[in-house]
Amino acid sequence: MKTLYPAGHDLTARSLHGMGATKFAQAEFGLSMYYFEQSLKVLNNLNPSGHAGMGSCL
């Protein structure tokens, strides 16, 4: 089964599968990734240069 997580998060997805995660846990993980990406977009909108905030830590 192919997981549709953002690029760079494959290892996390595989570790979830390795632990026998339920569909609910996978949905929770997907939602948290979605909100994380949305918050990054908001930060980028507030700070287009991208030199400060969480974006610089990733």
C-alpha atoms as a PDB file:
ATOM      1  CA  MET A   1       0.000   0.000   0.000  1.00  0.00           C
ATOM      2  CA  LYS A   2       1.407   3.348  -1.075  1.00  0.00           C
ATOM      3  CA  THR A   3       1.143   6.079   1.550  1.00  0.00           C
ATOM      4  CA  LEU A   4       0.502   9.590   0.295  1.00  0.00           C
ATOM      5  CA  TYR A   5       2.615  11.549   2.733  1.00  0.00           C
ATOM      6  CA  PRO A   6       4.648  14.610   1.719  1.00  0.00           C
ATOM      7  CA  ALA A   7       8.139  13.989   0.390  1.00  0.00           C
ATOM      8  CA  GLY A   8      10.701  13.555   3.144  1.00  0.00           C
ATOM      9  CA  HIS A   9       8.343  11.873   5.584  1.00  0.00           C
ATOM     10  CA  ASP A  10       8.594   8.340   4.210  1.00  0.00           C
ATOM     11  CA  LEU A  11      10.674   7.098   7.136  1.00  0.00           C
ATOM     12  CA  THR A  12       8.084   8.303   9.627  1.00  0.00           C
ATOM     13  CA  ALA A  13       5.320   6.663   7.629  1.00  0.00           C
ATOM     14  CA  ARG A  14       7.243   3.384   7.483  1.00  0.00           C
ATOM     15  CA  SER A  15       7.897   3.432  11.218  1.00  0.00           C
ATOM     16  CA  LEU A  16       4.172   3.925  11.825  1.00  0.00           C
ATOM     17  CA  HIS A  17       3.435   0.918   9.610  1.00  0.00           C
ATOM     18  CA  GLY A  18       6.144  -1.069  11.370  1.00  0.00           C
ATOM     19  CA  MET A  19       4.444  -0.476  14.692  1.00  0.00           C
ATOM     20  CA  GLY A  20       1.195  -1.817  13.276  1.00  0.00           C
ATOM     21  CA  ALA A  21      -0.562   1.550  13.301  1.00  0.00           C
ATOM     22  CA  THR A  22      -4.300   1.517  12.852  1.00  0.00           C
ATOM     23  CA  LYS A  23      -6.083   3.461  10.139  1.00  0.00           C
ATOM     24  CA  PHE A  24      -7.105   5.937  12.822  1.00  0.00           C
ATOM     25  CA  ALA A  25      -3.482   6.566  13.768  1.00  0.00           C
ATOM     26  CA  GLN A  26      -2.577   6.994  10.098  1.00  0.00           C
ATOM     27  CA  ALA A  27      -5.400   9.519   9.715  1.00  0.00           C
ATOM     28  CA  GLU A  28      -4.195  11.389  12.810  1.00  0.00           C
ATOM     29  CA  PHE A  29      -0.673  11.496  11.373  1.00  0.00           C
ATOM     30  CA  GLY A  30      -1.947  12.739   8.021  1.00  0.00           C
ATOM     31  CA  LEU A  31      -3.982  15.477   9.676  1.00  0.00           C
ATOM     32  CA  SER A  32      -1.067  16.617  11.816  1.00  0.00           C
ATOM     33  CA  MET A  33       1.150  16.785   8.723  1.00  0.00           C
ATOM     34  CA  TYR A  34      -1.554  18.767   6.914  1.00  0.00           C
ATOM     35  CA  TYR A  35      -1.873  21.326   9.705  1.00  0.00           C
ATOM     36  CA  PHE A  36       1.906  21.529  10.044  1.00  0.00           C
ATOM     37  CA  GLU A  37       2.218  22.353   6.338  1.00  0.00           C
ATOM     38  CA  GLN A  38      -0.589  24.913   6.595  1.00  0.00           C
ATOM     39  CA  SER A  39       1.177  26.613   9.512  1.00  0.00           C
ATOM     40  CA  LEU A  40       4.382  26.743   7.466  1.00  0.00           C
ATOM     41  CA  LYS A  41       2.467  28.382   4.617  1.00  0.00           C
ATOM     42  CA  VAL A  42       1.098  30.966   7.049  1.00  0.00           C
ATOM     43  CA  LEU A  43       4.599  31.631   8.375  1.00  0.00           C
ATOM     44  CA  ASN A  44       5.884  32.008   4.819  1.00  0.00           C
ATOM     45  CA  ASN A  45       3.084  34.454   4.050  1.00  0.00           C
ATOM     46  CA  LEU A  46       3.919  36.500   7.144  1.00  0.00           C
ATOM     47  CA  ASN A  47       7.635  36.357   6.389  1.00  0.00           C
ATOM     48  CA  PRO A  48       8.180  35.926   2.620  1.00  0.00           C
ATOM     49  CA  SER A  49      11.972  36.099   2.940  1.00  0.00           C
ATOM     50  CA  GLY A  50      12.000  32.790   4.822  1.00  0.00           C
ATOM     51  CA  HIS A  51      14.967  33.780   6.982  1.00  0.00           C
ATOM     52  CA  ALA A  52      13.172  33.632  10.321  1.00  0.00           C
ATOM     53  CA  GLY A  53      10.602  31.458  12.040  1.00  0.00           C
ATOM     54  CA  MET A  54      10.165  27.703  11.898  1.00  0.00           C
ATOM     55  CA  GLY A  55      10.860  27.521   8.163  1.00  0.00           C
ATOM     56  CA  SER A  56      14.560  28.142   8.733  1.00  0.00           C
ATOM     57  CA  CYS A  57      14.820  25.188  11.129  1.00  0.00           C
ATOM     58  CA  LEU A  58      13.666  22.555   8.666  1.00  0.00           C
END
